[in-house]
C-alpha atoms as a PDB file:
ATOM      1  CA  MET A   1     127.044 108.396  98.075  1.00  0.00           C
ATOM      2  CA  LEU A   2     124.798 107.198 100.923  1.00  0.00           C
ATOM      3  CA  LYS A   3     125.928 103.841 102.342  1.00  0.00           C
ATOM      4  CA  LEU A   4     123.697 102.073 104.868  1.00  0.00           C
ATOM      5  CA  LYS A   5     124.408  99.389 107.416  1.00  0.00           C
ATOM      6  CA  HIS A   6     122.683  96.076 106.748  1.00  0.00           C
ATOM      7  CA  GLY A   7     120.085  96.455 109.508  1.00  0.00           C
ATOM      8  CA  HIS A   8     119.233  99.974 108.401  1.00  0.00           C
ATOM      9  CA  ALA A   9     118.890  98.794 104.797  1.00  0.00           C
ATOM     10  CA  VAL A  10     116.451  96.056 105.875  1.00  0.00           C
ATOM     11  CA  ALA A  11     114.361  98.559 107.836  1.00  0.00           C
ATOM     12  CA  LEU A  12     114.389 101.000 104.918  1.00  0.00           C
ATOM     13  CA  MET A  13     113.330  98.257 102.487  1.00  0.00           C
ATOM     14  CA  VAL A  14     110.379  97.424 104.750  1.00  0.00           C
ATOM     15  CA  LEU A  15     109.395 101.098 104.589  1.00  0.00           C
ATOM     16  CA  VAL A  16     109.750 100.980 100.788  1.00  0.00           C
ATOM     17  CA  THR A  17     107.335  98.041 100.517  1.00  0.00           C
ATOM     18  CA  ALA A  18     104.895  99.807 102.844  1.00  0.00           C
ATOM     19  CA  LEU A  19     104.934 102.871 100.584  1.00  0.00           C
ATOM     20  CA  TRP A  20     104.530 100.742  97.447  1.00  0.00           C
ATOM     21  CA  SER A  21     101.540  98.971  98.999  1.00  0.00           C
ATOM     22  CA  THR A  22      99.461 102.150  99.395  1.00  0.00           C
ATOM     23  CA  ALA A  23      98.377 102.304  95.740  1.00  0.00           C
ATOM     24  CA  GLY A  24      95.388 100.015  96.156  1.00  0.00           C
ATOM     25  CA  VAL A  25      93.794 101.656  99.175  1.00  0.00           C
ATOM     26  CA  VAL A  26      94.415 105.194  97.876  1.00  0.00           C
ATOM     27  CA  SER A  27      92.915 104.381  94.470  1.00  0.00           C
ATOM     28  CA  ARG A  28      89.718 103.217  96.199  1.00  0.00           C
ATOM     29  CA  HIS A  29      89.171 106.737  97.561  1.00  0.00           C
ATOM     30  CA  LEU A  30      89.208 108.464  94.174  1.00  0.00           C
ATOM     31  CA  GLU A  31      85.950 110.227  93.396  1.00  0.00           C
ATOM     32  CA  GLN A  32      85.893 111.072  89.680  1.00  0.00           C
ATOM     33  CA  ALA A  33      89.161 110.005  88.030  1.00  0.00           C
ATOM     34  CA  LYS A  34      88.760 106.789  86.048  1.00  0.00           C
ATOM     35  CA  GLY A  35      90.748 104.508  83.771  1.00  0.00           C
ATOM     36  CA  PHE A  36      93.637 106.045  81.860  1.00  0.00           C
ATOM     37  CA  GLU A  37      93.343 109.364  83.693  1.00  0.00           C
ATOM     38  CA  VAL A  38      94.382 107.629  86.931  1.00  0.00           C
ATOM     39  CA  THR A  39      97.517 106.324  85.242  1.00  0.00           C
ATOM     40  CA  PHE A  40      98.293 109.656  83.592  1.00  0.00           C
ATOM     41  CA  TRP A  41      98.247 111.713  86.784  1.00  0.00           C
ATOM     42  CA  ARG A  42     100.253 109.144  88.746  1.00  0.00           C
ATOM     43  CA  SER A  43     102.897 108.868  86.025  1.00  0.00           C
ATOM     44  CA  ALA A  44     103.050 112.643  85.540  1.00  0.00           C
ATOM     45  CA  PHE A  45     103.643 113.242  89.248  1.00  0.00           C
ATOM     46  CA  THR A  46     106.242 110.472  89.234  1.00  0.00           C
ATOM     47  CA  VAL A  47     108.099 112.378  86.512  1.00  0.00           C
ATOM     48  CA  LEU A  48     107.961 115.551  88.588  1.00  0.00           C
ATOM     49  CA  GLY A  49     109.134 113.751  91.717  1.00  0.00           C
ATOM     50  CA  LEU A  50     112.037 111.979  90.019  1.00  0.00           C
ATOM     51  CA  VAL A  51     113.215 115.162  88.275  1.00  0.00           C
ATOM     52  CA  VAL A  52     113.467 116.862  91.672  1.00  0.00           C
ATOM     53  CA  ILE A  53     115.031 113.817  93.367  1.00  0.00           C
ATOM     54  CA  LEU A  54     117.620 113.172  90.654  1.00  0.00           C
ATOM     55  CA  THR A  55     118.635 116.818  90.488  1.00  0.00           C
ATOM     56  CA  ALA A  56     118.971 117.080  94.280  1.00  0.00           C
ATOM     57  CA  TRP A  57     120.735 113.695  94.526  1.00  0.00           C
ATOM     58  CA  GLN A  58     123.202 113.852  91.629  1.00  0.00           C
ATOM     59  CA  GLY A  59     123.179 117.508  90.549  1.00  0.00           C
ATOM     60  CA  TRP A  60     122.338 119.086  87.195  1.00  0.00           C
ATOM     61  CA  ARG A  61     125.043 117.055  85.458  1.00  0.00           C
ATOM     62  CA  VAL A  62     122.861 113.960  85.745  1.00  0.00           C
ATOM     63  CA  TRP A  63     120.855 115.179  82.733  1.00  0.00           C
ATOM     64  CA  PHE A  64     123.984 115.214  80.581  1.00  0.00           C
ATOM     65  CA  ARG A  65     124.907 111.646  81.575  1.00  0.00           C
ATOM     66  CA  LEU A  66     121.653 109.949  80.559  1.00  0.00           C
ATOM     67  CA  PRO A  67     122.321 107.214  77.953  1.00  0.00           C
ATOM     68  CA  TRP A  68     119.802 108.397  75.364  1.00  0.00           C
ATOM     69  CA  ARG A  69     121.530 106.420  72.594  1.00  0.00           C
ATOM     70  CA  ASN A  70     121.595 103.168  74.557  1.00  0.00           C
ATOM     71  CA  GLY A  71     119.031 100.647  73.320  1.00  0.00           C
ATOM     72  CA  TYR A  72     118.909  98.899  76.697  1.00  0.00           C
ATOM     73  CA  PHE A  73     117.941 102.180  78.351  1.00  0.00           C
ATOM     74  CA  TRP A  74     114.959 102.631  76.028  1.00  0.00           C
ATOM     75  CA  ILE A  75     113.750  99.036  76.301  1.00  0.00           C
ATOM     76  CA  SER A  76     114.010  99.307  80.082  1.00  0.00           C
ATOM     77  CA  GLY A  77     111.983 102.517  79.988  1.00  0.00           C
ATOM     78  CA  VAL A  78     109.284 100.853  77.872  1.00  0.00           C
ATOM     79  CA  CYS A  79     109.106  97.996  80.384  1.00  0.00           C
ATOM     80  CA  TRP A  80     108.653 100.451  83.248  1.00  0.00           C
ATOM     81  CA  SER A  81     105.942 102.303  81.304  1.00  0.00           C
ATOM     82  CA  ILE A  82     104.033  99.037  80.796  1.00  0.00           C
ATOM     83  CA  MET A  83     104.305  98.257  84.505  1.00  0.00           C
ATOM     84  CA  PHE A  84     103.078 101.723  85.514  1.00  0.00           C
ATOM     85  CA  THR A  85     100.146 101.693  83.096  1.00  0.00           C
ATOM     86  CA  ALA A  86      99.022  98.094  83.573  1.00  0.00           C
ATOM     87  CA  PHE A  87      99.187  98.252  87.376  1.00  0.00           C
ATOM     88  CA  MET A  88      96.891 101.230  87.778  1.00  0.00           C
ATOM     89  CA  MET A  89      94.521 100.028  85.023  1.00  0.00           C
ATOM     90  CA  ALA A  90      94.250  96.630  86.719  1.00  0.00           C
ATOM     91  CA  LEU A  91      93.340  98.289  90.024  1.00  0.00           C
ATOM     92  CA  THR A  92      90.410 100.000  88.302  1.00  0.00           C
ATOM     93  CA  LEU A  93      89.153  96.637  86.982  1.00  0.00           C
ATOM     94  CA  THR A  94      89.449  94.135  89.842  1.00  0.00           C
ATOM     95  CA  ALA A  95      90.163  93.760  93.544  1.00  0.00           C
ATOM     96  CA  VAL A  96      93.470  94.860  95.048  1.00  0.00           C
ATOM     97  CA  ALA A  97      94.185  91.328  96.297  1.00  0.00           C
ATOM     98  CA  ASN A  98      93.727  89.864  92.805  1.00  0.00           C
ATOM     99  CA  VAL A  99      96.134  92.389  91.305  1.00  0.00           C
ATOM    100  CA  LEU A 100      98.835  92.016  93.960  1.00  0.00           C
ATOM    101  CA  ILE A 101      98.771  88.207  94.002  1.00  0.00           C
ATOM    102  CA  THR A 102      99.000  88.086  90.205  1.00  0.00           C
ATOM    103  CA  MET A 103     101.919  90.506  90.328  1.00  0.00           C
ATOM    104  CA  ALA A 104     103.641  88.417  93.002  1.00  0.00           C
ATOM    105  CA  CYS A 105     104.489  85.826  90.330  1.00  0.00           C
ATOM    106  CA  GLY A 106     107.138  88.221  88.994  1.00  0.00           C
ATOM    107  CA  PRO A 107     110.199  86.472  90.501  1.00  0.00           C
ATOM    108  CA  LEU A 108     109.115  83.090  89.113  1.00  0.00           C
ATOM    109  CA  LEU A 109     108.396  84.573  85.675  1.00  0.00           C
ATOM    110  CA  THR A 110     111.829  86.190  85.786  1.00  0.00           C
ATOM    111  CA  ALA A 111     113.361  82.797  86.538  1.00  0.00           C
ATOM    112  CA  LEU A 112     111.472  81.232  83.630  1.00  0.00           C
ATOM    113  CA  GLY A 113     112.648  84.032  81.357  1.00  0.00           C
ATOM    114  CA  SER A 114     116.261  83.461  82.335  1.00  0.00           C
ATOM    115  CA  TRP A 115     115.816  79.763  81.519  1.00  0.00           C
ATOM    116  CA  LEU A 116     114.189  80.425  78.146  1.00  0.00           C
ATOM    117  CA  PHE A 117     116.264  83.352  76.883  1.00  0.00           C
ATOM    118  CA  LEU A 118     119.527  83.321  78.833  1.00  0.00           C
ATOM    119  CA  SER A 119     119.928  79.508  79.057  1.00  0.00           C
ATOM    120  CA  HIS A 120     120.187  79.611  82.858  1.00  0.00           C
ATOM    121  CA  ARG A 121     119.558  76.260  84.536  1.00  0.00           C
ATOM    122  CA  LEU A 122     116.804  76.356  87.123  1.00  0.00           C
ATOM    123  CA  PRO A 123     117.150  74.248  90.302  1.00  0.00           C
ATOM    124  CA  LEU A 124     114.465  71.739  91.222  1.00  0.00           C
ATOM    125  CA  ARG A 125     113.233  73.989  94.046  1.00  0.00           C
ATOM    126  CA  THR A 126     112.375  76.721  91.512  1.00  0.00           C
ATOM    127  CA  TRP A 127     110.439  74.329  89.269  1.00  0.00           C
ATOM    128  CA  LEU A 128     108.512  73.093  92.333  1.00  0.00           C
ATOM    129  CA  ALA A 129     107.843  76.703  93.364  1.00  0.00           C
ATOM    130  CA  ILE A 130     106.536  77.526  89.877  1.00  0.00           C
ATOM    131  CA  ALA A 131     104.204  74.511  89.955  1.00  0.00           C
ATOM    132  CA  PHE A 132     102.929  75.269  93.488  1.00  0.00           C
ATOM    133  CA  ALA A 133     102.425  78.985  92.793  1.00  0.00           C
ATOM    134  CA  GLY A 134     100.691  78.133  89.517  1.00  0.00           C
ATOM    135  CA  SER A 135      98.267  75.930  91.438  1.00  0.00           C
ATOM    136  CA  GLY A 136      97.509  78.821  93.780  1.00  0.00           C
ATOM    137  CA  ILE A 137      96.863  81.187  90.886  1.00  0.00           C
ATOM    138  CA  ALA A 138      94.633  78.578  89.200  1.00  0.00           C
ATOM    139  CA  MET A 139      92.611  78.183  92.399  1.00  0.00           C
ATOM    140  CA  MET A 140      92.136  81.926  92.609  1.00  0.00           C
ATOM    141  CA  PHE A 141      91.087  82.174  88.956  1.00  0.00           C
ATOM    142  CA  VAL A 142      88.565  79.318  89.172  1.00  0.00           C
ATOM    143  CA  SER A 143      86.962  80.689  92.345  1.00  0.00           C
ATOM    144  CA  GLN A 144      86.607  84.179  90.911  1.00  0.00           C
ATOM    145  CA  LEU A 145      85.055  82.823  87.722  1.00  0.00           C
ATOM    146  CA  GLN A 146      82.568  80.823  89.787  1.00  0.00           C
ATOM    147  CA  LEU A 147      81.666  83.987  91.690  1.00  0.00           C
ATOM    148  CA  GLY A 148      80.831  85.631  88.360  1.00  0.00           C
ATOM    149  CA  ASP A 149      83.119  88.659  88.625  1.00  0.00           C
ATOM    150  CA  PRO A 150      82.630  90.240  85.148  1.00  0.00           C
ATOM    151  CA  ASN A 151      85.895  92.173  85.133  1.00  0.00           C
ATOM    152  CA  PHE A 152      88.123  89.616  86.838  1.00  0.00           C
ATOM    153  CA  ILE A 153      89.594  88.016  83.721  1.00  0.00           C
ATOM    154  CA  LEU A 154      90.315  91.369  82.073  1.00  0.00           C
ATOM    155  CA  GLY A 155      91.758  92.789  85.301  1.00  0.00           C
ATOM    156  CA  ALA A 156      93.925  89.726  85.878  1.00  0.00           C
ATOM    157  CA  MET A 157      95.213  89.756  82.305  1.00  0.00           C
ATOM    158  CA  VAL A 158      96.111  93.436  82.586  1.00  0.00           C
ATOM    159  CA  ALA A 159      97.774  92.797  85.961  1.00  0.00           C
ATOM    160  CA  LEU A 160      99.764  89.936  84.420  1.00  0.00           C
ATOM    161  CA  CYS A 161     101.421  92.466  82.102  1.00  0.00           C
ATOM    162  CA  VAL A 162     103.219  93.897  85.158  1.00  0.00           C
ATOM    163  CA  PRO A 163     105.247  90.790  86.116  1.00  0.00           C
ATOM    164  CA  LEU A 164     105.791  89.933  82.447  1.00  0.00           C
ATOM    165  CA  ALA A 165     107.277  93.368  81.764  1.00  0.00           C
ATOM    166  CA  GLY A 166     109.211  93.101  85.022  1.00  0.00           C
ATOM    167  CA  ALA A 167     110.656  89.738  83.981  1.00  0.00           C
ATOM    168  CA  ILE A 168     111.830  91.245  80.690  1.00  0.00           C
ATOM    169  CA  GLN A 169     113.249  94.217  82.593  1.00  0.00           C
ATOM    170  CA  TRP A 170     115.315  92.192  85.068  1.00  0.00           C
ATOM    171  CA  ASN A 171     116.592  89.704  82.473  1.00  0.00           C
ATOM    172  CA  LEU A 172     117.486  92.629  80.226  1.00  0.00           C
ATOM    173  CA  THR A 173     119.400  94.216  83.106  1.00  0.00           C
ATOM    174  CA  GLN A 174     121.248  90.961  83.768  1.00  0.00           C
ATOM    175  CA  LYS A 175     122.130  90.523  80.102  1.00  0.00           C
ATOM    176  CA  SER A 176     123.353  94.108  79.813  1.00  0.00           C
ATOM    177  CA  GLN A 177     125.554  93.689  82.886  1.00  0.00           C
ATOM    178  CA  SER A 178     127.073  90.511  81.436  1.00  0.00           C
ATOM    179  CA  THR A 179     128.149  92.542  78.405  1.00  0.00           C
ATOM    180  CA  GLY A 180     129.599  95.329  80.552  1.00  0.00           C
ATOM    181  CA  ILE A 181     126.682  97.755  80.101  1.00  0.00           C
ATOM    182  CA  GLN A 182     125.178  99.127  83.320  1.00  0.00           C
ATOM    183  CA  ILE A 183     121.568 100.351  83.354  1.00  0.00           C
ATOM    184  CA  ASP A 184     120.936 103.035  85.966  1.00  0.00           C
ATOM    185  CA  LEU A 185     117.562 102.076  87.419  1.00  0.00           C
ATOM    186  CA  VAL A 186     116.257 105.480  88.519  1.00  0.00           C
ATOM    187  CA  PRO A 187     116.650 107.267  85.131  1.00  0.00           C
ATOM    188  CA  SER A 188     115.006 104.216  83.526  1.00  0.00           C
ATOM    189  CA  VAL A 189     112.064 104.619  85.895  1.00  0.00           C
ATOM    190  CA  LEU A 190     111.887 108.294  84.918  1.00  0.00           C
ATOM    191  CA  LEU A 191     111.866 107.395  81.228  1.00  0.00           C
ATOM    192  CA  GLY A 192     109.098 104.858  81.859  1.00  0.00           C
ATOM    193  CA  ALA A 193     107.004 107.451  83.662  1.00  0.00           C
ATOM    194  CA  ILE A 194     107.481 109.920  80.785  1.00  0.00           C
ATOM    195  CA  ILE A 195     106.418 107.332  78.206  1.00  0.00           C
ATOM    196  CA  SER A 196     103.409 106.311  80.319  1.00  0.00           C
ATOM    197  CA  SER A 197     102.331 109.944  80.695  1.00  0.00           C
ATOM    198  CA  ILE A 198     102.596 110.647  76.962  1.00  0.00           C
ATOM    199  CA  LEU A 199     100.762 107.486  75.902  1.00  0.00           C
ATOM    200  CA  THR A 200      97.881 107.834  78.372  1.00  0.00           C
ATOM    201  CA  LEU A 201      97.317 111.586  77.966  1.00  0.00           C
ATOM    202  CA  PRO A 202      95.164 111.350  74.788  1.00  0.00           C
ATOM    203  CA  MET A 203      92.969 108.663  76.387  1.00  0.00           C
ATOM    204  CA  ALA A 204      92.748 110.580  79.673  1.00  0.00           C
ATOM    205  CA  TRP A 205      91.501 113.765  77.994  1.00  0.00           C
ATOM    206  CA  PRO A 206      89.189 115.485  78.851  1.00  0.00           C
ATOM    207  CA  PHE A 207      90.131 115.298  82.509  1.00  0.00           C
ATOM    208  CA  GLN A 208      87.437 114.368  85.024  1.00  0.00           C
ATOM    209  CA  ALA A 209      89.518 114.393  88.218  1.00  0.00           C
ATOM    210  CA  ASN A 210      88.709 116.984  90.852  1.00  0.00           C
ATOM    211  CA  ALA A 211      91.200 118.583  93.245  1.00  0.00           C
ATOM    212  CA  HIS A 212      90.732 115.742  95.735  1.00  0.00           C
ATOM    213  CA  ASP A 213      91.635 113.120  93.119  1.00  0.00           C
ATOM    214  CA  VAL A 214      94.627 115.046  91.784  1.00  0.00           C
ATOM    215  CA  THR A 215      95.969 115.391  95.333  1.00  0.00           C
ATOM    216  CA  LEU A 216      95.686 111.650  95.960  1.00  0.00           C
ATOM    217  CA  LEU A 217      97.251 110.782  92.602  1.00  0.00           C
ATOM    218  CA  GLY A 218     100.028 113.273  93.285  1.00  0.00           C
ATOM    219  CA  LEU A 219     100.747 111.436  96.536  1.00  0.00           C
ATOM    220  CA  LEU A 220     100.822 108.153  94.625  1.00  0.00           C
ATOM    221  CA  GLY A 221     103.208 109.501  92.011  1.00  0.00           C
ATOM    222  CA  ILE A 222     105.642 111.000  94.517  1.00  0.00           C
ATOM    223  CA  VAL A 223     105.219 109.121  97.805  1.00  0.00           C
ATOM    224  CA  GLN A 224     104.147 105.712  96.489  1.00  0.00           C
ATOM    225  CA  LEU A 225     106.487 105.537  93.490  1.00  0.00           C
ATOM    226  CA  ALA A 226     109.205 108.168  93.030  1.00  0.00           C
ATOM    227  CA  ILE A 227     110.538 108.196  96.601  1.00  0.00           C
ATOM    228  CA  PRO A 228     110.439 104.413  97.309  1.00  0.00           C
ATOM    229  CA  CYS A 229     111.957 103.573  93.902  1.00  0.00           C
ATOM    230  CA  THR A 230     114.891 105.821  94.727  1.00  0.00           C
ATOM    231  CA  LEU A 231     115.215 104.362  98.231  1.00  0.00           C
ATOM    232  CA  SER A 232     115.101 100.808  96.837  1.00  0.00           C
ATOM    233  CA  VAL A 233     118.130 101.576  94.659  1.00  0.00           C
ATOM    234  CA  ILE A 234     120.026 102.635  97.793  1.00  0.00           C
ATOM    235  CA  CYS A 235     118.930  99.452  99.606  1.00  0.00           C
ATOM    236  CA  ALA A 236     119.953  97.253  96.673  1.00  0.00           C
ATOM    237  CA  ARG A 237     123.548  98.442  97.083  1.00  0.00           C
ATOM    238  CA  VAL A 238     123.644  96.851 100.552  1.00  0.00           C
ATOM    239  CA  LEU A 239     121.209  93.941 100.450  1.00  0.00           C
ATOM    240  CA  LYS A 240     121.671  90.772  98.435  1.00  0.00           C
ATOM    241  CA  ALA A 241     119.183  90.031  95.649  1.00  0.00           C
ATOM    242  CA  PRO A 242     117.404  87.217  97.589  1.00  0.00           C
ATOM    243  CA  GLU A 243     116.985  89.537 100.564  1.00  0.00           C
ATOM    244  CA  VAL A 244     115.410  92.189  98.363  1.00  0.00           C
ATOM    245  CA  SER A 245     113.092  89.585  96.794  1.00  0.00           C
ATOM    246  CA  LEU A 246     111.959  88.291 100.179  1.00  0.00           C
ATOM    247  CA  LEU A 247     111.362  91.750 101.622  1.00  0.00           C
ATOM    248  CA  ALA A 248     109.504  92.834  98.470  1.00  0.00           C
ATOM    249  CA  LEU A 249     106.885  90.156  99.196  1.00  0.00           C
ATOM    250  CA  LEU A 250     105.728  92.351 102.073  1.00  0.00           C
ATOM    251  CA  GLU A 251     104.083  94.618  99.490  1.00  0.00           C
ATOM    252  CA  VAL A 252     101.455  91.950  98.833  1.00  0.00           C
ATOM    253  CA  ILE A 253     100.697  91.487 102.532  1.00  0.00           C
ATOM    254  CA  PHE A 254     100.665  95.214 103.280  1.00  0.00           C
ATOM    255  CA  GLY A 255      98.622  96.015 100.175  1.00  0.00           C
ATOM    256  CA  ILE A 256      95.855  93.485 100.873  1.00  0.00           C
ATOM    257  CA  ALA A 257      95.733  94.459 104.564  1.00  0.00           C
ATOM    258  CA  LEU A 258      95.518  98.179 103.776  1.00  0.00           C
ATOM    259  CA  ALA A 259      92.743  97.682 101.208  1.00  0.00           C
ATOM    260  CA  TRP A 260      90.859  95.495 103.688  1.00  0.00           C
ATOM    261  CA  TRP A 261      91.275  97.994 106.526  1.00  0.00           C
ATOM    262  CA  GLY A 262      91.138 101.304 104.656  1.00  0.00           C
ATOM    263  CA  ALA A 263      88.662 100.539 101.864  1.00  0.00           C
ATOM    264  CA  HIS A 264      86.665  97.622 103.338  1.00  0.00           C
ATOM    265  CA  GLU A 265      87.716  95.441 100.393  1.00  0.00           C
ATOM    266  CA  GLU A 266      87.635  92.015 102.007  1.00  0.00           C
ATOM    267  CA  PRO A 267      89.291  89.346  99.832  1.00  0.00           C
ATOM    268  CA  HIS A 268      87.451  86.073  99.211  1.00  0.00           C
ATOM    269  CA  LEU A 269      88.706  83.070 101.202  1.00  0.00           C
ATOM    270  CA  SER A 270      89.816  81.243  98.042  1.00  0.00           C
ATOM    271  CA  VAL A 271      91.877  84.302  97.063  1.00  0.00           C
ATOM    272  CA  LEU A 272      93.575  84.265 100.453  1.00  0.00           C
ATOM    273  CA  ILE A 273      94.303  80.537 100.149  1.00  0.00           C
ATOM    274  CA  GLY A 274      95.592  80.833  96.577  1.00  0.00           C
ATOM    275  CA  GLY A 275      97.610  83.903  97.506  1.00  0.00           C
ATOM    276  CA  SER A 276      99.101  82.097 100.493  1.00  0.00           C
ATOM    277  CA  MET A 277     100.224  79.298  98.175  1.00  0.00           C
ATOM    278  CA  VAL A 278     101.917  81.804  95.885  1.00  0.00           C
ATOM    279  CA  MET A 279     103.618  83.571  98.799  1.00  0.00           C
ATOM    280  CA  ALA A 280     104.753  80.274 100.341  1.00  0.00           C
ATOM    281  CA  ALA A 281     106.232  79.143  97.011  1.00  0.00           C
ATOM    282  CA  LEU A 282     108.083  82.426  96.534  1.00  0.00           C
ATOM    283  CA  PHE A 283     109.345  82.528 100.110  1.00  0.00           C
ATOM    284  CA  ALA A 284     110.548  78.904 100.087  1.00  0.00           C
ATOM    285  CA  ASN A 285     112.305  79.317  96.738  1.00  0.00           C
ATOM    286  CA  GLU A 286     114.190  82.432  97.811  1.00  0.00           C
ATOM    287  CA  TRP A 287     114.911  81.198 101.333  1.00  0.00           C
ATOM    288  CA  PHE A 288     116.368  77.825 100.353  1.00  0.00           C
ATOM    289  CA  GLY A 289     118.308  79.414  97.523  1.00  0.00           C
ATOM    290  CA  TRP A 290     119.784  81.914  99.986  1.00  0.00           C
ATOM    291  CA  ARG A 291     120.665  79.143 102.445  1.00  0.00           C
ATOM    292  CA  GLN A 292     122.395  77.094  99.747  1.00  0.00           C
ATOM    293  CA  ARG A 293     124.502  80.026  98.654  1.00  0.00           C
ATOM    294  CA  ASN A 294     125.602  80.682 102.228  1.00  0.00           C
ATOM    295  CA  VAL A 295     126.458  77.100 103.225  1.00  0.00           C
END
């Protein structure tokens, strides 16, 4: 099994976040594909990519080791399917910056979930981070409502499903590990992509995408999702959880910058300020937590 040095794992995780961040700018160059069809093609190509990757990585026996009777495996797959579907739908409804900043609340929602459902005590720094990030999100919401964006509320609510499903996913993983049950992340991602493809197919039919759109969505499914998800699993074996959380924040920065540069989607100043508050809260919470654990 591939084992990286720490510095190589950090560099690879930066590459992973860069690949993840391409979804927004690529989706802005679609010509005919809309709504659920965008999600269907991306999820379908993710399935194809992961089937090839898993087979090449672990051999044909991997398909006989999948825990089909494990309830955790299925719930995890459903969570991934919600994240896949909601993310791409949100991008079709509102600006890339709005989607990414809303999604950035995932670590804080995960912390709240662990407090509510796993009875984990949260340190004061996390409560302060939640309050500060919440203020940033509120600022962004108020400014967008004042600007009269008709789809902002719907897009933001759909985007919020991503961190909520992610919070359930990570707390579920933690609970399963505490009971001695290990959830293999990559097969769970594959299951989520399969579920997303099946559920969105009826609403995507009849297809409107041309060859140009299918090519771009194929790149998203394989290059933006299947490959980096697999690489992130390798990185997670070397990096500590706070390191992964901090590096993952780069997706927001990369994603907004790419949409600004590659699709001329300039975020409003209030969105940048609110987003900066969210990022600062997340960074401070993870950084001080990391420092305390290493004192």
